[in-house]
Amino acid sequence: MSVDVTLLPATIPHRFRDEDLSRIRRFEDRTDAGQIRFEYSIPESGSLIVWRVTDPHVTAAVETVFGPAAWEEVQGDLHRSLH
């Protein structure tokens, strides 16, 4: 399952608020260059980490991080660390 992150309205710069910009950032699973899945985790800090997973037996790579005041909702698969 892909990961969809809904950003808080305050994260969109004022000059773009009148435009029809989506607050949803989508990290879509794909198979074009091998299997790539996206998962998320939320550490104690409240940040949201989106992980890029190419092989479930190999350590995942961080795709992006949203600070705790930047995001409102997330949907997708929870990242399970190998540690």
C-alpha atoms as a PDB file:
ATOM      1  CA  MET A   1       0.000   0.000   0.000  1.00  0.00           C
ATOM      2  CA  SER A   2       1.229   3.475  -0.771  1.00  0.00           C
ATOM      3  CA  VAL A   3       1.628   6.121   1.929  1.00  0.00           C
ATOM      4  CA  ASP A   4      -0.572   9.228   1.823  1.00  0.00           C
ATOM      5  CA  VAL A   5       0.315  12.171   4.077  1.00  0.00           C
ATOM      6  CA  THR A   6      -2.123  15.041   4.638  1.00  0.00           C
ATOM      7  CA  LEU A   7      -0.256  18.235   5.447  1.00  0.00           C
ATOM      8  CA  LEU A   8      -1.608  20.918   7.756  1.00  0.00           C
ATOM      9  CA  PRO A   9      -2.888  24.035   5.918  1.00  0.00           C
ATOM     10  CA  ALA A  10      -0.257  26.172   7.668  1.00  0.00           C
ATOM     11  CA  THR A  11       2.500  24.284   5.819  1.00  0.00           C
ATOM     12  CA  ILE A  12       1.388  25.681   2.448  1.00  0.00           C
ATOM     13  CA  PRO A  13       2.992  29.088   1.736  1.00  0.00           C
ATOM     14  CA  HIS A  14       0.563  32.047   1.615  1.00  0.00           C
ATOM     15  CA  ARG A  15       1.269  32.727  -2.067  1.00  0.00           C
ATOM     16  CA  PHE A  16      -0.029  29.247  -2.974  1.00  0.00           C
ATOM     17  CA  ARG A  17      -3.047  29.032  -0.671  1.00  0.00           C
ATOM     18  CA  ASP A  18      -5.447  30.507  -3.244  1.00  0.00           C
ATOM     19  CA  GLU A  19      -4.389  27.956  -5.830  1.00  0.00           C
ATOM     20  CA  ASP A  20      -5.885  24.506  -5.977  1.00  0.00           C
ATOM     21  CA  LEU A  21      -2.993  22.721  -4.295  1.00  0.00           C
ATOM     22  CA  SER A  22      -3.601  19.390  -2.682  1.00  0.00           C
ATOM     23  CA  ARG A  23      -2.495  19.018   0.918  1.00  0.00           C
ATOM     24  CA  ILE A  24      -1.989  15.303   0.276  1.00  0.00           C
ATOM     25  CA  ARG A  25       1.488  14.048  -0.572  1.00  0.00           C
ATOM     26  CA  ARG A  26       1.431  10.561  -2.057  1.00  0.00           C
ATOM     27  CA  PHE A  27       4.314   8.117  -2.016  1.00  0.00           C
ATOM     28  CA  GLU A  28       3.123   5.458  -4.426  1.00  0.00           C
ATOM     29  CA  ASP A  29       4.433   1.900  -4.505  1.00  0.00           C
ATOM     30  CA  ARG A  30       5.887   0.954  -7.881  1.00  0.00           C
ATOM     31  CA  THR A  31       7.386  -1.923  -9.773  1.00  0.00           C
ATOM     32  CA  ASP A  32       9.022  -0.121 -12.727  1.00  0.00           C
ATOM     33  CA  ALA A  33      12.591  -0.616 -11.431  1.00  0.00           C
ATOM     34  CA  GLY A  34      12.016  -3.547  -9.129  1.00  0.00           C
ATOM     35  CA  GLN A  35       9.622  -3.650  -6.204  1.00  0.00           C
ATOM     36  CA  ILE A  36       9.564  -0.382  -4.223  1.00  0.00           C
ATOM     37  CA  ARG A  37       7.189  -0.022  -1.287  1.00  0.00           C
ATOM     38  CA  PHE A  38       6.639   2.921   0.999  1.00  0.00           C
ATOM     39  CA  GLU A  39       5.923   2.617   4.713  1.00  0.00           C
ATOM     40  CA  TYR A  40       5.805   5.119   7.557  1.00  0.00           C
ATOM     41  CA  SER A  41       6.776   5.405  11.205  1.00  0.00           C
ATOM     42  CA  ILE A  42       6.136   7.976  13.912  1.00  0.00           C
ATOM     43  CA  PRO A  43       8.883   8.213  16.544  1.00  0.00           C
ATOM     44  CA  GLU A  44       8.332   9.714  20.003  1.00  0.00           C
ATOM     45  CA  SER A  45       9.189  13.182  18.636  1.00  0.00           C
ATOM     46  CA  GLY A  46       5.931  13.202  16.642  1.00  0.00           C
ATOM     47  CA  SER A  47       7.754  13.501  13.329  1.00  0.00           C
ATOM     48  CA  LEU A  48       6.571  11.374  10.438  1.00  0.00           C
ATOM     49  CA  ILE A  49       9.165   9.328   8.568  1.00  0.00           C
ATOM     50  CA  VAL A  50       8.378   7.870   5.149  1.00  0.00           C
ATOM     51  CA  TRP A  51      10.569   4.855   4.356  1.00  0.00           C
ATOM     52  CA  ARG A  52      11.476   3.445   0.929  1.00  0.00           C
ATOM     53  CA  VAL A  53      11.649  -0.357   1.125  1.00  0.00           C
ATOM     54  CA  THR A  54      13.144  -2.254  -1.800  1.00  0.00           C
ATOM     55  CA  ASP A  55      13.637  -5.593  -0.057  1.00  0.00           C
ATOM     56  CA  PRO A  56      11.992  -6.606   3.217  1.00  0.00           C
ATOM     57  CA  HIS A  57      15.244  -8.309   4.314  1.00  0.00           C
ATOM     58  CA  VAL A  58      17.414  -5.206   3.779  1.00  0.00           C
ATOM     59  CA  THR A  59      17.464  -2.000   5.814  1.00  0.00           C
ATOM     60  CA  ALA A  60      15.011   0.572   4.443  1.00  0.00           C
ATOM     61  CA  ALA A  61      16.055   4.071   3.383  1.00  0.00           C
ATOM     62  CA  VAL A  62      14.454   7.298   4.561  1.00  0.00           C
ATOM     63  CA  GLU A  63      12.511   8.894   1.707  1.00  0.00           C
ATOM     64  CA  THR A  64      11.449  12.027   3.622  1.00  0.00           C
ATOM     65  CA  VAL A  65      10.654  13.357   7.091  1.00  0.00           C
ATOM     66  CA  PHE A  66       7.837  15.699   8.097  1.00  0.00           C
ATOM     67  CA  GLY A  67       8.133  17.608  11.371  1.00  0.00           C
ATOM     68  CA  PRO A  68       5.413  17.155  14.000  1.00  0.00           C
ATOM     69  CA  ALA A  69       3.784  20.486  13.116  1.00  0.00           C
ATOM     70  CA  ALA A  70       3.687  19.753   9.374  1.00  0.00           C
ATOM     71  CA  TRP A  71       1.362  16.793   9.054  1.00  0.00           C
ATOM     72  CA  GLU A  72      -2.195  16.055  10.094  1.00  0.00           C
ATOM     73  CA  GLU A  73      -2.965  12.494   8.971  1.00  0.00           C
ATOM     74  CA  VAL A  74      -1.222   9.502   7.434  1.00  0.00           C
ATOM     75  CA  GLN A  75      -2.513   6.366   5.753  1.00  0.00           C
ATOM     76  CA  GLY A  76      -0.528   3.358   4.650  1.00  0.00           C
ATOM     77  CA  ASP A  77       1.559   0.532   6.063  1.00  0.00           C
ATOM     78  CA  LEU A  78       3.461   0.952   9.317  1.00  0.00           C
ATOM     79  CA  HIS A  79       7.219   0.436   8.984  1.00  0.00           C
ATOM     80  CA  ARG A  80       8.586  -2.401  11.076  1.00  0.00           C
ATOM     81  CA  SER A  81      12.266  -2.049  11.826  1.00  0.00           C
ATOM     82  CA  LEU A  82      14.566  -5.054  11.581  1.00  0.00           C
ATOM     83  CA  HIS A  83      16.122  -4.117  14.952  1.00  0.00           C
END
